[in-house]
């Protein structure tokens, strides 16, 4: 009798609290992940969610721009931060790293 091994990757989900946002603040994806089932920013909760496509194994990444501050006198007074988040998905789980760049 021959036994066939079937590999099934359990769903892996990543949740990252970005920040609480005021009226003129927020976050948005400026470079979308390529191998996602879910990759979205929930402004109300100040949270980013990522889940890879079913059975995807490999590297993926996303870039999120976060703006904190307000407009005053027709110009923006605040800071913009870009987060580059890298995901390494394996059969055993997910490794996540991020790089913060403040403008």
Protein backbone atom coordinates (compact mmCIF):
# COMPACT_ATOMS: atom_id res chain seq x y z
CA UNK A 1 0.00 0.00 0.00
CA UNK A 2 1.33 3.40 -0.97
CA UNK A 3 0.65 6.42 1.25
CA UNK A 4 0.28 9.75 -0.48
CA UNK A 5 1.25 12.77 1.60
CA UNK A 6 -1.07 15.73 1.20
CA UNK A 7 0.17 19.11 2.39
CA UNK A 8 -2.48 21.57 3.48
CA UNK A 9 -1.41 24.94 4.82
CA UNK A 10 -3.58 26.29 7.61
CA UNK A 11 -4.87 29.82 7.09
CA UNK A 12 -2.38 32.35 8.41
CA UNK A 13 -3.59 35.83 9.32
CA UNK A 14 -1.60 38.93 10.25
CA UNK A 15 -3.11 41.88 12.08
CA UNK A 16 -1.14 45.08 12.79
CA UNK A 17 -2.47 48.01 14.79
CA UNK A 18 -1.21 51.11 12.99
CA UNK A 19 -2.60 53.99 15.05
CA UNK A 20 -5.75 55.81 16.06
CA UNK A 21 -6.66 58.45 13.48
CA UNK A 22 -8.21 61.92 13.74
CA UNK A 23 -10.51 63.45 11.12
CA UNK A 24 -7.78 64.40 8.64
CA UNK A 25 -5.44 61.51 9.38
CA UNK A 26 -5.34 58.04 7.95
CA UNK A 27 -3.51 55.23 6.23
CA UNK A 28 -3.62 53.68 2.81
CA UNK A 29 -1.89 51.02 0.76
CA UNK A 30 0.49 52.57 -1.76
CA UNK A 31 1.95 49.27 -3.03
CA UNK A 32 -0.36 46.29 -2.75
CA UNK A 33 0.80 42.78 -1.88
CA UNK A 34 0.74 40.34 -4.83
CA UNK A 35 -0.24 37.04 -3.21
CA UNK A 36 -3.03 38.07 -0.86
CA UNK A 37 -6.45 36.81 -0.02
CA UNK A 38 -6.91 39.78 2.36
CA UNK A 39 -4.74 42.92 2.35
CA UNK A 40 -6.57 45.96 3.64
CA UNK A 41 -6.48 48.91 6.03
CA UNK A 42 -9.45 49.42 8.33
CA UNK A 43 -9.32 53.16 9.10
CA UNK A 44 -11.98 52.95 11.80
CA UNK A 45 -9.95 50.40 13.78
CA UNK A 46 -6.55 51.81 12.73
CA UNK A 47 -5.52 48.29 11.71
CA UNK A 48 -3.95 46.56 8.69
CA UNK A 49 -4.94 42.97 7.87
CA UNK A 50 -3.08 40.47 5.68
CA UNK A 51 -3.82 36.89 4.77
CA UNK A 52 -1.96 35.09 1.96
CA UNK A 53 -3.72 33.23 -0.82
CA UNK A 54 -4.64 29.66 0.05
CA UNK A 55 -1.63 27.34 -0.15
CA UNK A 56 0.76 30.18 -1.10
CA UNK A 57 4.37 29.65 0.05
CA UNK A 58 6.99 32.34 -0.56
CA UNK A 59 7.65 36.04 -0.11
CA UNK A 60 5.17 38.90 -0.29
CA UNK A 61 5.23 42.55 0.74
CA UNK A 62 3.05 45.63 1.06
CA UNK A 63 3.71 49.36 1.54
CA UNK A 64 1.42 51.46 3.72
CA UNK A 65 1.48 55.24 3.99
CA UNK A 66 0.35 56.73 7.32
CA UNK A 67 -0.38 60.45 7.68
CA UNK A 68 -0.61 62.09 11.10
CA UNK A 69 -1.40 65.79 11.50
CA UNK A 70 -3.78 68.22 9.83
CA UNK A 71 -4.14 70.78 7.05
CA UNK A 72 -3.70 74.38 8.14
CA UNK A 73 -3.74 77.42 5.91
CA UNK A 74 -3.86 75.30 2.76
CA UNK A 75 -0.78 73.20 3.55
CA UNK A 76 -0.24 69.93 5.35
CA UNK A 77 1.27 70.16 8.83
CA UNK A 78 2.19 66.75 10.10
CA UNK A 79 4.25 63.73 9.24
CA UNK A 80 3.97 60.98 6.67
CA UNK A 81 5.42 57.57 7.47
CA UNK A 82 5.78 54.70 5.02
CA UNK A 83 5.91 51.15 6.33
CA UNK A 84 7.32 48.42 4.09
CA UNK A 85 6.07 45.13 5.50
CA UNK A 86 7.65 41.89 4.27
CA UNK A 87 6.04 38.49 4.73
CA UNK A 88 7.83 35.14 4.41
CA UNK A 89 5.22 32.38 4.30
CA UNK A 90 6.29 28.77 4.83
CA UNK A 91 4.44 25.52 5.50
CA UNK A 92 5.07 26.14 9.22
CA UNK A 93 3.92 29.74 9.54
CA UNK A 94 4.74 33.32 8.64
CA UNK A 95 7.69 35.57 9.44
CA UNK A 96 7.00 39.31 9.31
CA UNK A 97 9.41 42.25 9.26
CA UNK A 98 8.82 45.92 8.62
CA UNK A 99 10.84 48.99 7.77
CA UNK A 100 9.70 52.45 8.87
CA UNK A 101 10.53 55.50 6.74
CA UNK A 102 9.44 58.93 8.03
CA UNK A 103 9.22 61.77 5.50
